[in-house]
Amino acid sequence: MRERDFQKDLMREIEESFPGCVVAKTDPTYIQGFPDLLILHNDKWATLECKRSAKASLRPNQGRWVKRLGEMSFASFIFPENRKDVLNALQKYFEKS
């Protein structure tokens, strides 16, 4: 599966799983390595870096951004092999008060 196809399906699933949320695709030319998706849900936000597989290589700064944004809110790498686990973790994060 190509990353863009995975990402498109993932965006649809997130919108269905979290009614009323906003899922925005970030501009890859603005901040190098910044995660692909920004998710706004109620008073919380999260970012996800999409990869086509668990074995896909990281681009420069992707690990640094996921770590930094994860310290601020919720951030994760997501790929078909961990999709369910990451979406479950995101659900728990959005449900926290």
N, C-alpha and C. Protein backbone atom coordinates (compact mmCIF):
# COMPACT_ATOMS: atom_id res chain seq x y z
N MET A 1 0.85 -1.19 0.00
CA MET A 1 0.00 0.00 0.00
C MET A 1 0.89 1.24 0.00
N ARG A 2 0.52 2.20 -0.83
CA ARG A 2 1.26 3.46 -0.85
C ARG A 2 0.88 4.30 0.36
N GLU A 3 1.83 5.11 0.81
CA GLU A 3 1.59 5.92 2.01
C GLU A 3 0.39 6.85 1.83
N ARG A 4 0.26 7.46 0.67
CA ARG A 4 -0.86 8.40 0.49
C ARG A 4 -2.21 7.70 0.54
N ASP A 5 -2.28 6.44 0.07
CA ASP A 5 -3.53 5.68 0.16
C ASP A 5 -3.83 5.31 1.61
N PHE A 6 -2.81 4.89 2.33
CA PHE A 6 -2.97 4.59 3.75
C PHE A 6 -3.44 5.83 4.50
N GLN A 7 -2.81 6.96 4.20
CA GLN A 7 -3.15 8.21 4.87
C GLN A 7 -4.60 8.64 4.59
N LYS A 8 -5.03 8.51 3.35
CA LYS A 8 -6.40 8.87 2.99
C LYS A 8 -7.42 8.02 3.74
N ASP A 9 -7.19 6.70 3.78
CA ASP A 9 -8.08 5.80 4.52
C ASP A 9 -8.06 6.12 6.02
N LEU A 10 -6.89 6.41 6.53
CA LEU A 10 -6.74 6.72 7.95
C LEU A 10 -7.50 7.99 8.31
N MET A 11 -7.39 9.01 7.48
CA MET A 11 -8.10 10.26 7.75
C MET A 11 -9.61 10.03 7.82
N ARG A 12 -10.12 9.23 6.91
CA ARG A 12 -11.55 8.90 6.90
C ARG A 12 -11.94 8.16 8.19
N GLU A 13 -11.11 7.19 8.58
CA GLU A 13 -11.40 6.42 9.79
C GLU A 13 -11.38 7.31 11.04
N ILE A 14 -10.43 8.22 11.12
CA ILE A 14 -10.35 9.12 12.27
C ILE A 14 -11.59 10.01 12.34
N GLU A 15 -11.99 10.56 11.20
CA GLU A 15 -13.18 11.42 11.16
C GLU A 15 -14.44 10.65 11.59
N GLU A 16 -14.54 9.38 11.23
CA GLU A 16 -15.68 8.56 11.63
C GLU A 16 -15.60 8.18 13.11
N SER A 17 -14.39 7.94 13.61
CA SER A 17 -14.22 7.51 15.00
C SER A 17 -14.38 8.64 16.00
N PHE A 18 -14.08 9.86 15.58
CA PHE A 18 -14.14 11.02 16.48
C PHE A 18 -15.02 12.09 15.84
N PRO A 19 -16.34 11.92 15.93
CA PRO A 19 -17.25 12.86 15.28
C PRO A 19 -16.97 14.31 15.70
N GLY A 20 -16.97 15.18 14.71
CA GLY A 20 -16.73 16.60 14.97
C GLY A 20 -15.27 17.00 14.98
N CYS A 21 -14.38 16.04 14.87
CA CYS A 21 -12.96 16.39 14.88
C CYS A 21 -12.57 17.03 13.55
N VAL A 22 -11.42 17.67 13.55
CA VAL A 22 -10.83 18.23 12.34
C VAL A 22 -9.53 17.47 12.10
N VAL A 23 -9.38 16.92 10.91
CA VAL A 23 -8.14 16.24 10.53
C VAL A 23 -7.53 17.05 9.40
N ALA A 24 -6.36 17.61 9.64
CA ALA A 24 -5.69 18.45 8.65
C ALA A 24 -4.37 17.82 8.23
N LYS A 25 -4.13 17.85 6.95
CA LYS A 25 -2.85 17.39 6.40
C LYS A 25 -1.89 18.57 6.49
N THR A 26 -0.73 18.35 7.06
CA THR A 26 0.24 19.44 7.20
C THR A 26 1.04 19.61 5.91
N ASP A 27 1.67 20.75 5.78
CA ASP A 27 2.47 21.08 4.60
C ASP A 27 3.89 20.57 4.80
N PRO A 28 4.29 19.55 4.04
CA PRO A 28 5.63 18.97 4.26
C PRO A 28 6.77 19.91 3.90
N THR A 29 6.48 21.00 3.20
CA THR A 29 7.56 21.93 2.84
C THR A 29 7.74 23.04 3.87
N TYR A 30 6.81 23.16 4.81
CA TYR A 30 6.88 24.25 5.78
C TYR A 30 7.88 23.96 6.90
N ILE A 31 7.70 22.85 7.60
CA ILE A 31 8.62 22.45 8.67
C ILE A 31 9.08 21.03 8.36
N GLN A 32 10.34 20.88 8.03
CA GLN A 32 10.89 19.58 7.63
C GLN A 32 10.74 18.57 8.75
N GLY A 33 10.11 17.43 8.44
CA GLY A 33 9.96 16.34 9.40
C GLY A 33 8.73 16.43 10.28
N PHE A 34 7.94 17.51 10.16
CA PHE A 34 6.75 17.65 10.99
C PHE A 34 5.74 16.56 10.61
N PRO A 35 5.02 15.99 11.59
CA PRO A 35 4.08 14.91 11.30
C PRO A 35 3.04 15.27 10.24
N ASP A 36 2.56 14.24 9.54
CA ASP A 36 1.66 14.40 8.41
C ASP A 36 0.28 14.94 8.77
N LEU A 37 -0.27 14.49 9.89
CA LEU A 37 -1.65 14.82 10.23
C LEU A 37 -1.74 15.54 11.58
N LEU A 38 -2.58 16.57 11.61
CA LEU A 38 -2.92 17.27 12.84
C LEU A 38 -4.40 16.98 13.09
N ILE A 39 -4.72 16.50 14.29
CA ILE A 39 -6.10 16.15 14.64
C ILE A 39 -6.53 17.04 15.80
N LEU A 40 -7.61 17.77 15.59
CA LEU A 40 -8.17 18.63 16.63
C LEU A 40 -9.49 18.00 17.07
N HIS A 41 -9.61 17.76 18.36
CA HIS A 41 -10.82 17.12 18.89
C HIS A 41 -11.16 17.72 20.24
N ASN A 42 -12.31 18.41 20.28
CA ASN A 42 -12.72 19.13 21.48
C ASN A 42 -11.60 20.04 21.93
N ASP A 43 -11.08 19.87 23.14
CA ASP A 43 -10.02 20.75 23.63
C ASP A 43 -8.64 20.10 23.57
N LYS A 44 -8.49 19.06 22.75
CA LYS A 44 -7.22 18.34 22.64
C LYS A 44 -6.76 18.30 21.19
N TRP A 45 -5.49 18.02 21.01
CA TRP A 45 -4.93 17.86 19.67
C TRP A 45 -3.92 16.73 19.68
N ALA A 46 -3.66 16.22 18.49
CA ALA A 46 -2.70 15.13 18.32
C ALA A 46 -2.08 15.24 16.93
N THR A 47 -0.92 14.63 16.79
CA THR A 47 -0.29 14.55 15.47
C THR A 47 0.08 13.10 15.19
N LEU A 48 0.02 12.74 13.90
CA LEU A 48 0.40 11.40 13.48
C LEU A 48 1.32 11.49 12.27
N GLU A 49 2.39 10.74 12.31
CA GLU A 49 3.30 10.60 11.17
C GLU A 49 2.99 9.27 10.52
N CYS A 50 2.49 9.31 9.31
CA CYS A 50 2.08 8.11 8.58
C CYS A 50 3.26 7.49 7.84
N LYS A 51 3.33 6.17 7.92
CA LYS A 51 4.33 5.40 7.19
C LYS A 51 3.63 4.25 6.50
N ARG A 52 4.12 3.87 5.34
CA ARG A 52 3.45 2.81 4.58
C ARG A 52 3.66 1.43 5.20
N SER A 53 4.70 1.29 6.03
CA SER A 53 4.93 0.02 6.73
C SER A 53 5.82 0.27 7.94
N ALA A 54 5.87 -0.72 8.81
CA ALA A 54 6.72 -0.61 10.00
C ALA A 54 8.20 -0.53 9.63
N LYS A 55 8.54 -1.01 8.46
CA LYS A 55 9.94 -1.02 8.02
C LYS A 55 10.33 0.21 7.21
N ALA A 56 9.40 1.11 6.96
CA ALA A 56 9.70 2.32 6.18
C ALA A 56 10.69 3.19 6.94
N SER A 57 11.62 3.77 6.22
CA SER A 57 12.64 4.59 6.86
C SER A 57 12.08 5.95 7.27
N LEU A 58 12.71 6.53 8.27
CA LEU A 58 12.32 7.85 8.74
C LEU A 58 13.09 8.90 7.97
N ARG A 59 12.46 10.02 7.78
CA ARG A 59 13.12 11.17 7.18
C ARG A 59 13.78 11.97 8.31
N PRO A 60 14.74 12.82 7.95
CA PRO A 60 15.38 13.63 9.00
C PRO A 60 14.35 14.41 9.81
N ASN A 61 14.56 14.45 11.08
CA ASN A 61 13.76 15.20 12.06
C ASN A 61 12.40 14.58 12.41
N GLN A 62 11.94 13.54 11.74
CA GLN A 62 10.64 12.98 12.07
C GLN A 62 10.60 12.43 13.50
N GLY A 63 11.61 11.70 13.87
CA GLY A 63 11.65 11.16 15.23
C GLY A 63 11.69 12.27 16.27
N ARG A 64 12.45 13.31 15.99
CA ARG A 64 12.56 14.44 16.92
C ARG A 64 11.20 15.13 17.09
N TRP A 65 10.48 15.34 15.98
CA TRP A 65 9.18 16.00 16.07
C TRP A 65 8.15 15.13 16.79
N VAL A 66 8.11 13.85 16.51
CA VAL A 66 7.15 12.97 17.19
C VAL A 66 7.43 12.96 18.69
N LYS A 67 8.68 12.90 19.06
CA LYS A 67 9.04 12.92 20.49
C LYS A 67 8.62 14.25 21.13
N ARG A 68 8.98 15.36 20.51
CA ARG A 68 8.68 16.68 21.07
C ARG A 68 7.18 16.92 21.19
N LEU A 69 6.44 16.63 20.13
CA LEU A 69 4.99 16.85 20.16
C LEU A 69 4.30 15.87 21.10
N GLY A 70 4.86 14.68 21.25
CA GLY A 70 4.31 13.72 22.21
C GLY A 70 4.47 14.18 23.64
N GLU A 71 5.51 14.96 23.91
CA GLU A 71 5.69 15.53 25.25
C GLU A 71 4.69 16.65 25.51
N MET A 72 4.22 17.30 24.45
CA MET A 72 3.27 18.40 24.57
C MET A 72 1.82 17.92 24.57
N SER A 73 1.55 16.85 23.84
CA SER A 73 0.19 16.35 23.65
C SER A 73 0.27 14.87 23.30
N PHE A 74 -0.26 14.48 22.14
CA PHE A 74 -0.20 13.11 21.67
C PHE A 74 0.43 13.11 20.29
N ALA A 75 1.43 12.28 20.09
CA ALA A 75 2.06 12.14 18.77
C ALA A 75 2.55 10.71 18.63
N SER A 76 2.47 10.20 17.41
CA SER A 76 2.89 8.82 17.19
C SER A 76 3.18 8.60 15.71
N PHE A 77 4.02 7.61 15.45
CA PHE A 77 4.16 7.06 14.11
C PHE A 77 3.01 6.08 13.95
N ILE A 78 2.42 6.03 12.78
CA ILE A 78 1.34 5.09 12.52
C ILE A 78 1.55 4.45 11.15
N PHE A 79 1.34 3.15 11.10
CA PHE A 79 1.48 2.39 9.86
C PHE A 79 0.49 1.24 9.95
N PRO A 80 0.24 0.56 8.84
CA PRO A 80 -0.80 -0.49 8.87
C PRO A 80 -0.65 -1.50 9.99
N GLU A 81 0.57 -1.85 10.33
CA GLU A 81 0.80 -2.89 11.35
C GLU A 81 0.44 -2.44 12.76
N ASN A 82 0.47 -1.13 13.06
CA ASN A 82 0.15 -0.68 14.42
C ASN A 82 -1.08 0.22 14.45
N ARG A 83 -1.78 0.31 13.35
CA ARG A 83 -2.93 1.21 13.22
C ARG A 83 -3.93 1.06 14.36
N LYS A 84 -4.35 -0.15 14.62
CA LYS A 84 -5.35 -0.39 15.67
C LYS A 84 -4.84 0.07 17.04
N ASP A 85 -3.60 -0.27 17.38
CA ASP A 85 -3.04 0.12 18.68
C ASP A 85 -2.94 1.63 18.83
N VAL A 86 -2.49 2.31 17.78
CA VAL A 86 -2.35 3.77 17.85
C VAL A 86 -3.73 4.43 17.96
N LEU A 87 -4.69 3.96 17.19
CA LEU A 87 -6.02 4.55 17.28
C LEU A 87 -6.68 4.28 18.63
N ASN A 88 -6.40 3.13 19.23
CA ASN A 88 -6.89 2.87 20.59
C ASN A 88 -6.25 3.82 21.59
N ALA A 89 -4.96 4.05 21.46
CA ALA A 89 -4.26 4.99 22.34
C ALA A 89 -4.79 6.41 22.15
N LEU A 90 -5.05 6.78 20.90
CA LEU A 90 -5.60 8.10 20.62
C LEU A 90 -6.99 8.25 21.25
N GLN A 91 -7.80 7.20 21.16
CA GLN A 91 -9.13 7.20 21.79
C GLN A 91 -9.01 7.46 23.30
N LYS A 92 -8.10 6.74 23.95
CA LYS A 92 -7.90 6.92 25.39
C LYS A 92 -7.43 8.33 25.70
N TYR A 93 -6.54 8.86 24.88
CA TYR A 93 -6.03 10.22 25.09
C TYR A 93 -7.18 11.24 24.98
N PHE A 94 -8.00 11.12 23.95
CA PHE A 94 -9.09 12.07 23.77
C PHE A 94 -10.16 11.95 24.85
N GLU A 95 -10.28 10.78 25.47
CA GLU A 95 -11.28 10.58 26.53
C GLU A 95 -10.80 11.09 27.89
N LYS A 96 -9.48 11.28 28.04
CA LYS A 96 -8.96 11.77 29.33
C LYS A 96 -9.50 13.17 29.62
N SER A 97 -9.79 13.41 30.91
CA SER A 97 -10.27 14.76 31.25
C SER A 97 -9.15 15.65 31.67
